[in-house]
Amino acid sequence: MHGFSIRGITSQFMVNEGKRAKSITWHYPKCPKQVGDFECGYFVMLFMRHFMSDPYKSLKAKITELESKATYTKAELNEVRVAGLVYRLANILPY
Protein backbone atom coordinates (compact mmCIF):
# COMPACT_ATOMS: atom_id res chain seq x y z
CA MET A 1 0.00 0.00 0.00
CA HIS A 2 1.37 3.42 -0.93
CA GLY A 3 0.97 6.40 1.34
CA PHE A 4 0.28 9.91 0.17
CA SER A 5 1.73 13.07 1.62
CA ILE A 6 -0.68 15.98 1.86
CA ARG A 7 2.28 18.32 1.51
CA GLY A 8 3.40 16.52 -1.64
CA ILE A 9 -0.10 16.60 -3.12
CA THR A 10 -0.54 20.33 -2.48
CA SER A 11 2.91 21.11 -3.90
CA GLN A 12 2.18 19.07 -7.02
CA PHE A 13 -1.16 20.85 -7.43
CA MET A 14 0.57 24.23 -7.34
CA VAL A 15 3.09 23.07 -9.95
CA ASN A 16 0.31 21.74 -12.19
CA GLU A 17 -1.52 25.06 -11.90
CA GLY A 18 1.61 26.94 -12.92
CA LYS A 19 1.85 28.69 -9.57
CA ARG A 20 4.83 28.96 -7.36
CA ALA A 21 4.50 26.63 -4.38
CA LYS A 22 4.07 28.57 -1.18
CA SER A 23 5.01 27.42 2.25
CA ILE A 24 1.88 26.11 3.95
CA THR A 25 1.54 26.37 7.69
CA TRP A 26 -0.03 23.18 8.99
CA HIS A 27 -2.04 23.17 12.21
CA TYR A 28 -2.85 20.07 14.19
CA PRO A 29 -5.70 21.06 16.49
CA LYS A 30 -6.59 19.00 19.50
CA CYS A 31 -10.06 17.57 19.39
CA PRO A 32 -12.49 15.86 21.78
CA LYS A 33 -11.33 12.32 22.56
CA GLN A 34 -13.51 9.27 22.16
CA VAL A 35 -13.92 7.43 25.47
CA GLY A 36 -15.85 4.37 24.29
CA ASP A 37 -15.25 1.74 21.65
CA PHE A 38 -18.02 2.46 19.17
CA GLU A 39 -18.71 6.21 19.03
CA CYS A 40 -16.11 6.97 16.34
CA GLY A 41 -18.63 7.91 13.62
CA TYR A 42 -20.53 10.17 15.98
CA PHE A 43 -17.34 11.97 16.97
CA VAL A 44 -16.43 12.51 13.32
CA MET A 45 -19.91 13.87 12.55
CA LEU A 46 -19.84 16.23 15.55
CA PHE A 47 -16.35 17.38 14.60
CA MET A 48 -17.44 18.13 11.01
CA ARG A 49 -20.67 19.81 12.13
CA HIS A 50 -18.68 22.09 14.42
CA PHE A 51 -16.67 23.41 11.47
CA MET A 52 -19.65 23.67 9.11
CA SER A 53 -21.91 25.56 11.50
CA ASP A 54 -21.86 29.32 12.03
CA PRO A 55 -20.18 30.65 8.88
CA TYR A 56 -19.51 33.99 10.58
CA LYS A 57 -17.25 32.50 13.24
CA SER A 58 -13.57 32.32 12.34
CA LEU A 59 -11.81 29.01 11.88
CA LYS A 60 -9.39 29.99 14.64
CA ALA A 61 -12.28 30.55 17.07
CA LYS A 62 -13.80 27.18 16.17
CA ILE A 63 -10.47 25.41 16.72
CA THR A 64 -10.04 27.14 20.08
CA GLU A 65 -13.50 25.94 21.14
CA LEU A 66 -12.68 22.36 20.22
CA GLU A 67 -9.30 22.42 21.96
CA SER A 68 -10.98 23.34 25.24
CA LYS A 69 -13.35 20.35 25.06
CA ALA A 70 -12.05 17.05 26.47
CA THR A 71 -14.85 14.91 25.00
CA TYR A 72 -18.42 15.19 23.76
CA THR A 73 -21.25 14.74 26.24
CA LYS A 74 -23.82 11.95 26.02
CA ALA A 75 -26.41 14.59 25.12
CA GLU A 76 -24.30 15.74 22.14
CA LEU A 77 -23.78 12.16 20.99
CA ASN A 78 -27.50 11.43 21.35
CA GLU A 79 -28.30 14.51 19.27
CA VAL A 80 -26.29 13.05 16.39
CA ARG A 81 -27.86 9.62 16.87
CA VAL A 82 -31.35 11.11 16.69
CA ALA A 83 -30.47 13.21 13.62
CA GLY A 84 -29.19 10.09 11.86
CA LEU A 85 -32.31 8.12 12.78
CA VAL A 86 -34.59 10.92 11.56
CA TYR A 87 -32.68 11.06 8.27
CA ARG A 88 -32.96 7.30 7.77
CA LEU A 89 -36.66 7.27 8.61
CA ALA A 90 -37.38 10.15 6.23
CA ASN A 91 -35.13 9.18 3.31
CA ILE A 92 -34.34 5.50 3.33
CA LEU A 93 -37.16 3.51 4.87
CA PRO A 94 -40.00 4.90 2.69
CA TYR A 95 -38.43 3.19 -0.32
PDB file of N, CA and C in Angstrom:
ATOM      1  N   MET A   1       0.842  -1.181   0.000  1.00  0.00           N
ATOM      2  CA  MET A   1       0.000   0.000   0.000  1.00  0.00           C
ATOM      3  C   MET A   1       0.886   1.242   0.000  1.00  0.00           C
ATOM      4  N   HIS A   2       0.584   2.189  -0.825  1.00  0.00           N
ATOM      5  CA  HIS A   2       1.366   3.415  -0.926  1.00  0.00           C
ATOM      6  C   HIS A   2       0.697   4.528  -0.136  1.00  0.00           C
ATOM      7  N   GLY A   3       1.507   5.270   0.600  1.00  0.00           N
ATOM      8  CA  GLY A   3       0.972   6.402   1.340  1.00  0.00           C
ATOM      9  C   GLY A   3       1.089   7.685   0.537  1.00  0.00           C
ATOM     10  N   PHE A   4       0.251   8.625   0.840  1.00  0.00           N
ATOM     11  CA  PHE A   4       0.279   9.914   0.173  1.00  0.00           C
ATOM     12  C   PHE A   4       0.589  10.991   1.186  1.00  0.00           C
ATOM     13  N   SER A   5       1.387  11.932   0.778  1.00  0.00           N
ATOM     14  CA  SER A   5       1.733  13.066   1.623  1.00  0.00           C
ATOM     15  C   SER A   5       0.869  14.245   1.210  1.00  0.00           C
ATOM     16  N   ILE A   6       0.139  14.805   2.150  1.00  0.00           N
ATOM     17  CA  ILE A   6      -0.682  15.978   1.858  1.00  0.00           C
ATOM     18  C   ILE A   6       0.205  17.104   1.347  1.00  0.00           C
ATOM     19  N   ARG A   7       1.352  17.263   1.959  1.00  0.00           N
ATOM     20  CA  ARG A   7       2.280  18.321   1.509  1.00  0.00           C
ATOM     21  C   ARG A   7       2.709  18.086   0.063  1.00  0.00           C
ATOM     22  N   GLY A   8       3.000  16.842  -0.276  1.00  0.00           N
ATOM     23  CA  GLY A   8       3.398  16.522  -1.643  1.00  0.00           C
ATOM     24  C   GLY A   8       2.270  16.764  -2.636  1.00  0.00           C
ATOM     25  N   ILE A   9       1.056  16.404  -2.247  1.00  0.00           N
ATOM     26  CA  ILE A   9      -0.097  16.598  -3.121  1.00  0.00           C
ATOM     27  C   ILE A   9      -0.340  18.086  -3.365  1.00  0.00           C
ATOM     28  N   THR A  10      -0.293  18.899  -2.304  1.00  0.00           N
ATOM     29  CA  THR A  10      -0.543  20.334  -2.480  1.00  0.00           C
ATOM     30  C   THR A  10       0.563  20.978  -3.301  1.00  0.00           C
ATOM     31  N   SER A  11       1.802  20.564  -3.107  1.00  0.00           N
ATOM     32  CA  SER A  11       2.909  21.111  -3.897  1.00  0.00           C
ATOM     33  C   SER A  11       2.747  20.751  -5.363  1.00  0.00           C
ATOM     34  N   GLN A  12       2.371  19.499  -5.639  1.00  0.00           N
ATOM     35  CA  GLN A  12       2.175  19.069  -7.019  1.00  0.00           C
ATOM     36  C   GLN A  12       1.020  19.818  -7.661  1.00  0.00           C
ATOM     37  N   PHE A  13      -0.033  20.081  -6.905  1.00  0.00           N
ATOM     38  CA  PHE A  13      -1.164  20.851  -7.427  1.00  0.00           C
ATOM     39  C   PHE A  13      -0.710  22.241  -7.854  1.00  0.00           C
ATOM     40  N   MET A  14       0.087  22.884  -7.015  1.00  0.00           N
ATOM     41  CA  MET A  14       0.568  24.227  -7.336  1.00  0.00           C
ATOM     42  C   MET A  14       1.416  24.200  -8.601  1.00  0.00           C
ATOM     43  N   VAL A  15       2.252  23.180  -8.760  1.00  0.00           N
ATOM     44  CA  VAL A  15       3.092  23.067  -9.947  1.00  0.00           C
ATOM     45  C   VAL A  15       2.205  22.865 -11.181  1.00  0.00           C
ATOM     46  N   ASN A  16       1.215  22.002 -11.063  1.00  0.00           N
ATOM     47  CA  ASN A  16       0.315  21.735 -12.191  1.00  0.00           C
ATOM     48  C   ASN A  16      -0.480  22.981 -12.580  1.00  0.00           C
ATOM     49  N   GLU A  17      -0.768  23.844 -11.632  1.00  0.00           N
ATOM     50  CA  GLU A  17      -1.519  25.064 -11.902  1.00  0.00           C
ATOM     51  C   GLU A  17      -0.609  26.191 -12.396  1.00  0.00           C
ATOM     52  N   GLY A  18       0.672  25.932 -12.448  1.00  0.00           N
ATOM     53  CA  GLY A  18       1.614  26.939 -12.916  1.00  0.00           C
ATOM     54  C   GLY A  18       1.886  28.017 -11.884  1.00  0.00           C
ATOM     55  N   LYS A  19       1.618  27.717 -10.643  1.00  0.00           N
ATOM     56  CA  LYS A  19       1.845  28.685  -9.573  1.00  0.00           C
ATOM     57  C   LYS A  19       3.080  28.279  -8.784  1.00  0.00           C
ATOM     58  N   ARG A  20       3.669  29.235  -8.196  1.00  0.00           N
ATOM     59  CA  ARG A  20       4.825  28.962  -7.356  1.00  0.00           C
ATOM     60  C   ARG A  20       4.323  28.378  -6.031  1.00  0.00           C
ATOM     61  N   ALA A  21       4.903  27.272  -5.627  1.00  0.00           N
ATOM     62  CA  ALA A  21       4.495  26.633  -4.382  1.00  0.00           C
ATOM     63  C   ALA A  21       4.842  27.519  -3.203  1.00  0.00           C
ATOM     64  N   LYS A  22       3.861  27.757  -2.373  1.00  0.00           N
ATOM     65  CA  LYS A  22       4.070  28.568  -1.175  1.00  0.00           C
ATOM     66  C   LYS A  22       4.259  27.646   0.018  1.00  0.00           C
ATOM     67  N   SER A  23       4.862  28.178   1.013  1.00  0.00           N
ATOM     68  CA  SER A  23       5.008  27.420   2.246  1.00  0.00           C
ATOM     69  C   SER A  23       3.653  27.423   2.964  1.00  0.00           C
ATOM     70  N   ILE A  24       3.167  26.249   3.269  1.00  0.00           N
ATOM     71  CA  ILE A  24       1.883  26.112   3.946  1.00  0.00           C
ATOM     72  C   ILE A  24       2.138  25.861   5.418  1.00  0.00           C
ATOM     73  N   THR A  25       1.436  26.586   6.255  1.00  0.00           N
ATOM     74  CA  THR A  25       1.539  26.368   7.694  1.00  0.00           C
ATOM     75  C   THR A  25       0.474  25.359   8.091  1.00  0.00           C
ATOM     76  N   TRP A  26       0.894  24.229   8.589  1.00  0.00           N
ATOM     77  CA  TRP A  26      -0.030  23.180   8.987  1.00  0.00           C
ATOM     78  C   TRP A  26      -0.335  23.306  10.466  1.00  0.00           C
ATOM     79  N   HIS A  27      -1.607  23.137  10.818  1.00  0.00           N
ATOM     80  CA  HIS A  27      -2.043  23.173  12.214  1.00  0.00           C
ATOM     81  C   HIS A  27      -2.632  21.813  12.557  1.00  0.00           C
ATOM     82  N   TYR A  28      -2.337  21.349  13.721  1.00  0.00           N
ATOM     83  CA  TYR A  28      -2.849  20.074  14.190  1.00  0.00           C
ATOM     84  C   TYR A  28      -3.652  20.321  15.470  1.00  0.00           C
ATOM     85  N   PRO A  29      -4.914  20.716  15.311  1.00  0.00           N
ATOM     86  CA  PRO A  29      -5.702  21.059  16.492  1.00  0.00           C
ATOM     87  C   PRO A  29      -6.014  19.831  17.335  1.00  0.00           C
ATOM     88  N   LYS A  30      -6.123  20.051  18.610  1.00  0.00           N
ATOM     89  CA  LYS A  30      -6.586  18.998  19.504  1.00  0.00           C
ATOM     90  C   LYS A  30      -8.086  18.897  19.314  1.00  0.00           C
ATOM     91  N   CYS A  31      -8.622  17.735  19.539  1.00  0.00           N
ATOM     92  CA  CYS A  31     -10.063  17.567  19.387  1.00  0.00           C
ATOM     93  C   CYS A  31     -10.583  16.692  20.519  1.00  0.00           C
ATOM     94  N   PRO A  32     -11.909  16.701  20.724  1.00  0.00           N
ATOM     95  CA  PRO A  32     -12.488  15.864  21.781  1.00  0.00           C
ATOM     96  C   PRO A  32     -12.130  14.393  21.562  1.00  0.00           C
ATOM     97  N   LYS A  33     -11.769  13.719  22.636  1.00  0.00           N
ATOM     98  CA  LYS A  33     -11.329  12.324  22.559  1.00  0.00           C
ATOM     99  C   LYS A  33     -12.496  11.372  22.797  1.00  0.00           C
ATOM    100  N   GLN A  34     -12.504  10.324  22.031  1.00  0.00           N
ATOM    101  CA  GLN A  34     -13.510   9.274  22.163  1.00  0.00           C
ATOM    102  C   GLN A  34     -13.182   8.442  23.396  1.00  0.00           C
ATOM    103  N   VAL A  35     -14.181   8.204  24.248  1.00  0.00           N
ATOM    104  CA  VAL A  35     -13.921   7.432  25.465  1.00  0.00           C
ATOM    105  C   VAL A  35     -14.400   5.989  25.349  1.00  0.00           C
ATOM    106  N   GLY A  36     -15.343   5.725  24.465  1.00  0.00           N
ATOM    107  CA  GLY A  36     -15.853   4.371  24.290  1.00  0.00           C
ATOM    108  C   GLY A  36     -15.241   3.695  23.076  1.00  0.00           C
ATOM    109  N   ASP A  37     -15.783   2.520  22.764  1.00  0.00           N
ATOM    110  CA  ASP A  37     -15.252   1.738  21.654  1.00  0.00           C
ATOM    111  C   ASP A  37     -16.015   1.910  20.347  1.00  0.00           C
ATOM    112  N   PHE A  38     -17.202   2.488  20.376  1.00  0.00           N
ATOM    113  CA  PHE A  38     -18.023   2.460  19.174  1.00  0.00           C
ATOM    114  C   PHE A  38     -18.611   3.819  18.769  1.00  0.00           C
ATOM    115  N   GLU A  39     -18.155   4.898  19.353  1.00  0.00           N
ATOM    116  CA  GLU A  39     -18.710   6.213  19.027  1.00  0.00           C
ATOM    117  C   GLU A  39     -17.935   6.956  17.944  1.00  0.00           C
ATOM    118  N   CYS A  40     -17.005   6.305  17.293  1.00  0.00           N
ATOM    119  CA  CYS A  40     -16.114   6.970  16.335  1.00  0.00           C
ATOM    120  C   CYS A  40     -16.876   7.790  15.301  1.00  0.00           C
ATOM    121  N   GLY A  41     -17.864   7.211  14.653  1.00  0.00           N
ATOM    122  CA  GLY A  41     -18.625   7.910  13.622  1.00  0.00           C
ATOM    123  C   GLY A  41     -19.330   9.140  14.158  1.00  0.00           C
ATOM    124  N   TYR A  42     -19.849   9.033  15.375  1.00  0.00           N
ATOM    125  CA  TYR A  42     -20.533  10.173  15.983  1.00  0.00           C
ATOM    126  C   TYR A  42     -19.547  11.302  16.261  1.00  0.00           C
ATOM    127  N   PHE A  43     -18.357  10.950  16.706  1.00  0.00           N
ATOM    128  CA  PHE A  43     -17.342  11.970  16.966  1.00  0.00           C
ATOM    129  C   PHE A  43     -16.946  12.675  15.670  1.00  0.00           C
ATOM    130  N   VAL A  44     -16.794  11.909  14.604  1.00  0.00           N
ATOM    131  CA  VAL A  44     -16.432  12.508  13.316  1.00  0.00           C
ATOM    132  C   VAL A  44     -17.542  13.448  12.858  1.00  0.00           C
ATOM    133  N   MET A  45     -18.805  13.022  12.984  1.00  0.00           N
ATOM    134  CA  MET A  45     -19.913  13.869  12.547  1.00  0.00           C
ATOM    135  C   MET A  45     -20.010  15.141  13.383  1.00  0.00           C
ATOM    136  N   LEU A  46     -19.811  15.032  14.696  1.00  0.00           N
ATOM    137  CA  LEU A  46     -19.842  16.227  15.546  1.00  0.00           C
ATOM    138  C   LEU A  46     -18.685  17.167  15.213  1.00  0.00           C
ATOM    139  N   PHE A  47     -17.527  16.594  14.956  1.00  0.00           N
ATOM    140  CA  PHE A  47     -16.353  17.383  14.596  1.00  0.00           C
ATOM    141  C   PHE A  47     -16.615  18.154  13.303  1.00  0.00           C
ATOM    142  N   MET A  48     -17.153  17.476  12.293  1.00  0.00           N
ATOM    143  CA  MET A  48     -17.444  18.129  11.012  1.00  0.00           C
ATOM    144  C   MET A  48     -18.543  19.177  11.168  1.00  0.00           C
ATOM    145  N   ARG A  49     -19.574  18.852  11.930  1.00  0.00           N
ATOM    146  CA  ARG A  49     -20.670  19.805  12.133  1.00  0.00           C
ATOM    147  C   ARG A  49     -20.173  21.080  12.799  1.00  0.00           C
ATOM    148  N   HIS A  50     -19.231  20.931  13.718  1.00  0.00           N
ATOM    149  CA  HIS A  50     -18.681  22.089  14.416  1.00  0.00           C
ATOM    150  C   HIS A  50     -18.053  23.074  13.427  1.00  0.00           C
ATOM    151  N   PHE A  51     -17.336  22.548  12.439  1.00  0.00           N
ATOM    152  CA  PHE A  51     -16.675  23.414  11.466  1.00  0.00           C
ATOM    153  C   PHE A  51     -17.634  23.947  10.408  1.00  0.00           C
ATOM    154  N   MET A  52     -18.709  23.233  10.135  1.00  0.00           N
ATOM    155  CA  MET A  52     -19.651  23.670   9.109  1.00  0.00           C
ATOM    156  C   MET A  52     -20.684  24.659   9.646  1.00  0.00           C
ATOM    157  N   SER A  53     -20.908  24.657  10.940  1.00  0.00           N
ATOM    158  CA  SER A  53     -21.911  25.564  11.503  1.00  0.00           C
ATOM    159  C   SER A  53     -21.333  26.962  11.697  1.00  0.00           C
ATOM    160  N   ASP A  54     -22.197  27.917  11.788  1.00  0.00           N
ATOM    161  CA  ASP A  54     -21.860  29.316  12.029  1.00  0.00           C
ATOM    162  C   ASP A  54     -20.770  29.841  11.094  1.00  0.00           C
ATOM    163  N   PRO A  55     -21.158  30.184   9.868  1.00  0.00           N
ATOM    164  CA  PRO A  55     -20.176  30.647   8.884  1.00  0.00           C
ATOM    165  C   PRO A  55     -19.524  31.986   9.238  1.00  0.00           C
ATOM    166  N   TYR A  56     -20.068  32.682  10.212  1.00  0.00           N
ATOM    167  CA  TYR A  56     -19.510  33.986  10.581  1.00  0.00           C
ATOM    168  C   TYR A  56     -18.422  33.886  11.646  1.00  0.00           C
ATOM    169  N   LYS A  57     -18.280  32.699  12.231  1.00  0.00           N
ATOM    170  CA  LYS A  57     -17.245  32.501  13.244  1.00  0.00           C
ATOM    171  C   LYS A  57     -15.960  32.081  12.543  1.00  0.00           C
ATOM    172  N   SER A  58     -14.848  32.631  12.980  1.00  0.00           N
ATOM    173  CA  SER A  58     -13.568  32.323  12.336  1.00  0.00           C
ATOM    174  C   SER A  58     -13.144  30.881  12.614  1.00  0.00           C
ATOM    175  N   LEU A  59     -12.334  30.358  11.714  1.00  0.00           N
ATOM    176  CA  LEU A  59     -11.808  29.012  11.881  1.00  0.00           C
ATOM    177  C   LEU A  59     -10.975  28.925  13.158  1.00  0.00           C
ATOM    178  N   LYS A  60     -10.218  29.967  13.433  1.00  0.00           N
ATOM    179  CA  LYS A  60      -9.389  29.986  14.643  1.00  0.00           C
ATOM    180  C   LYS A  60     -10.257  29.890  15.899  1.00  0.00           C
ATOM    181  N   ALA A  61     -11.379  30.602  15.918  1.00  0.00           N
ATOM    182  CA  ALA A  61     -12.283  30.551  17.073  1.00  0.00           C
ATOM    183  C   ALA A  61     -12.889  29.155  17.224  1.00  0.00           C
ATOM    184  N   LYS A  62     -13.224  28.527  16.112  1.00  0.00           N
ATOM    185  CA  LYS A  62     -13.795  27.181  16.171  1.00  0.00           C
ATOM    186  C   LYS A  62     -12.771  26.169  16.683  1.00  0.00           C
ATOM    187  N   ILE A  63     -11.523  26.303  16.249  1.00  0.00           N
ATOM    188  CA  ILE A  63     -10.467  25.405  16.721  1.00  0.00           C
ATOM    189  C   ILE A  63     -10.246  25.599  18.213  1.00  0.00           C
ATOM    190  N   THR A  64     -10.236  26.848  18.658  1.00  0.00           N
ATOM    191  CA  THR A  64     -10.045  27.142  20.083  1.00  0.00           C
ATOM    192  C   THR A  64     -11.156  26.507  20.913  1.00  0.00           C
ATOM    193  N   GLU A  65     -12.388  26.572  20.429  1.00  0.00           N
ATOM    194  CA  GLU A  65     -13.502  25.943  21.145  1.00  0.00           C
ATOM    195  C   GLU A  65     -13.295  24.445  21.271  1.00  0.00           C
ATOM    196  N   LEU A  66     -12.876  23.809  20.185  1.00  0.00           N
ATOM    197  CA  LEU A  66     -12.675  22.357  20.224  1.00  0.00           C
ATOM    198  C   LEU A  66     -11.524  21.964  21.135  1.00  0.00           C
ATOM    199  N   GLU A  67     -10.466  22.759  21.139  1.00  0.00           N
ATOM    200  CA  GLU A  67      -9.300  22.417  21.964  1.00  0.00           C
ATOM    201  C   GLU A  67      -9.611  22.478  23.446  1.00  0.00           C
ATOM    202  N   SER A  68     -10.636  23.232  23.829  1.00  0.00           N
ATOM    203  CA  SER A  68     -10.978  23.341  25.244  1.00  0.00           C
ATOM    204  C   SER A  68     -11.939  22.238  25.685  1.00  0.00           C
ATOM    205  N   LYS A  69     -12.368  21.396  24.767  1.00  0.00           N
ATOM    206  CA  LYS A  69     -13.349  20.352  25.061  1.00  0.00           C
ATOM    207  C   LYS A  69     -12.639  18.996  25.145  1.00  0.00           C
ATOM    208  N   ALA A  70     -12.729  18.334  26.287  1.00  0.00           N
ATOM    209  CA  ALA A  70     -12.052  17.050  26.469  1.00  0.00           C
ATOM    210  C   ALA A  70     -12.742  15.931  25.688  1.00  0.00           C
ATOM    211  N   THR A  71     -14.067  15.916  25.724  1.00  0.00           N
ATOM    212  CA  THR A  71     -14.848  14.911  25.003  1.00  0.00           C
ATOM    213  C   THR A  71     -16.242  15.473  24.763  1.00  0.00           C
ATOM    214  N   TYR A  72     -17.034  14.778  23.971  1.00  0.00           N
ATOM    215  CA  TYR A  72     -18.419  15.188  23.764  1.00  0.00           C
ATOM    216  C   TYR A  72     -19.285  14.571  24.848  1.00  0.00           C
ATOM    217  N   THR A  73     -20.346  15.253  25.220  1.00  0.00           N
ATOM    218  CA  THR A  73     -21.252  14.741  26.243  1.00  0.00           C
ATOM    219  C   THR A  73     -22.187  13.698  25.640  1.00  0.00           C
ATOM    220  N   LYS A  74     -22.846  12.936  26.503  1.00  0.00           N
ATOM    221  CA  LYS A  74     -23.819  11.955  26.018  1.00  0.00           C
ATOM    222  C   LYS A  74     -24.961  12.652  25.290  1.00  0.00           C
ATOM    223  N   ALA A  75     -25.339  13.835  25.767  1.00  0.00           N
ATOM    224  CA  ALA A  75     -26.413  14.591  25.117  1.00  0.00           C
ATOM    225  C   ALA A  75     -26.017  14.975  23.688  1.00  0.00           C
ATOM    226  N   GLU A  76     -24.772  15.387  23.490  1.00  0.00           N
ATOM    227  CA  GLU A  76     -24.295  15.738  22.144  1.00  0.00           C
ATOM    228  C   GLU A  76     -24.268  14.510  21.236  1.00  0.00           C
ATOM    229  N   LEU A  77     -23.806  13.389  21.776  1.00  0.00           N
ATOM    230  CA  LEU A  77     -23.777  12.157  20.989  1.00  0.00           C
ATOM    231  C   LEU A  77     -25.192  11.706  20.635  1.00  0.00           C
ATOM    232  N   ASN A  78     -26.109  11.818  21.607  1.00  0.00           N
ATOM    233  CA  ASN A  78     -27.499  11.430  21.351  1.00  0.00           C
ATOM    234  C   ASN A  78     -28.146  12.321  20.299  1.00  0.00           C
ATOM    235  N   GLU A  79     -27.777  13.591  20.273  1.00  0.00           N
ATOM    236  CA  GLU A  79     -28.305  14.511  19.273  1.00  0.00           C
ATOM    237  C   GLU A  79     -27.945  14.033  17.864  1.00  0.00           C
ATOM    238  N   VAL A  80     -26.720  13.563  17.695  1.00  0.00           N
ATOM    239  CA  VAL A  80     -26.290  13.049  16.389  1.00  0.00           C
ATOM    240  C   VAL A  80     -26.996  11.734  16.082  1.00  0.00           C
ATOM    241  N   ARG A  81     -27.152  10.882  17.081  1.00  0.00           N
ATOM    242  CA  ARG A  81     -27.859   9.617  16.873  1.00  0.00           C
ATOM    243  C   ARG A  81     -29.286   9.867  16.394  1.00  0.00           C
ATOM    244  N   VAL A  82     -29.969  10.798  17.051  1.00  0.00           N
ATOM    245  CA  VAL A  82     -31.351  11.107  16.686  1.00  0.00           C
ATOM    246  C   VAL A  82     -31.415  11.706  15.284  1.00  0.00           C
ATOM    247  N   ALA A  83     -30.488  12.606  14.954  1.00  0.00           N
ATOM    248  CA  ALA A  83     -30.470  13.212  13.623  1.00  0.00           C
ATOM    249  C   ALA A  83     -30.271  12.134  12.554  1.00  0.00           C
ATOM    250  N   GLY A  84     -29.402  11.179  12.810  1.00  0.00           N
ATOM    251  CA  GLY A  84     -29.186  10.086  11.859  1.00  0.00           C
ATOM    252  C   GLY A  84     -30.416   9.211  11.711  1.00  0.00           C
ATOM    253  N   LEU A  85     -31.089   8.933  12.806  1.00  0.00           N
ATOM    254  CA  LEU A  85     -32.309   8.124  12.776  1.00  0.00           C
ATOM    255  C   LEU A  85     -33.411   8.844  12.003  1.00  0.00           C
ATOM    256  N   VAL A  86     -33.577  10.130  12.268  1.00  0.00           N
ATOM    257  CA  VAL A  86     -34.590  10.919  11.565  1.00  0.00           C
ATOM    258  C   VAL A  86     -34.307  10.923  10.063  1.00  0.00           C
ATOM    259  N   TYR A  87     -33.052  11.077   9.692  1.00  0.00           N
ATOM    260  CA  TYR A  87     -32.679  11.058   8.274  1.00  0.00           C
ATOM    261  C   TYR A  87     -33.034   9.714   7.642  1.00  0.00           C
ATOM    262  N   ARG A  88     -32.665   8.634   8.325  1.00  0.00           N
ATOM    263  CA  ARG A  88     -32.961   7.301   7.771  1.00  0.00           C
ATOM    264  C   ARG A  88     -34.452   7.056   7.655  1.00  0.00           C
ATOM    265  N   LEU A  89     -35.209   7.469   8.647  1.00  0.00           N
ATOM    266  CA  LEU A  89     -36.663   7.270   8.605  1.00  0.00           C
ATOM    267  C   LEU A  89     -37.290   8.071   7.469  1.00  0.00           C
ATOM    268  N   ALA A  90     -36.806   9.284   7.252  1.00  0.00           N
ATOM    269  CA  ALA A  90     -37.384  10.149   6.228  1.00  0.00           C
ATOM    270  C   ALA A  90     -36.926   9.814   4.818  1.00  0.00           C
ATOM    271  N   ASN A  91     -35.699   9.325   4.657  1.00  0.00           N
ATOM    272  CA  ASN A  91     -35.134   9.183   3.312  1.00  0.00           C
ATOM    273  C   ASN A  91     -34.857   7.764   2.847  1.00  0.00           C
ATOM    274  N   ILE A  92     -34.723   6.840   3.749  1.00  0.00           N
ATOM    275  CA  ILE A  92     -34.336   5.505   3.334  1.00  0.00           C
ATOM    276  C   ILE A  92     -35.477   4.507   3.477  1.00  0.00           C
ATOM    277  N   LEU A  93     -36.121   4.508   4.619  1.00  0.00           N
ATOM    278  CA  LEU A  93     -37.160   3.507   4.871  1.00  0.00           C
ATOM    279  C   LEU A  93     -38.391   3.627   3.980  1.00  0.00           C
ATOM    280  N   PRO A  94     -38.798   4.835   3.555  1.00  0.00           N
ATOM    281  CA  PRO A  94     -39.995   4.896   2.690  1.00  0.00           C
ATOM    282  C   PRO A  94     -39.842   4.137   1.383  1.00  0.00           C
ATOM    283  N   TYR A  95     -38.636   3.886   0.940  1.00  0.00           N
ATOM    284  CA  TYR A  95     -38.427   3.189  -0.324  1.00  0.00           C
ATOM    285  C   TYR A  95     -38.459   1.717  -0.083  1.00  0.00           C
TER     286      TYR A  95
END
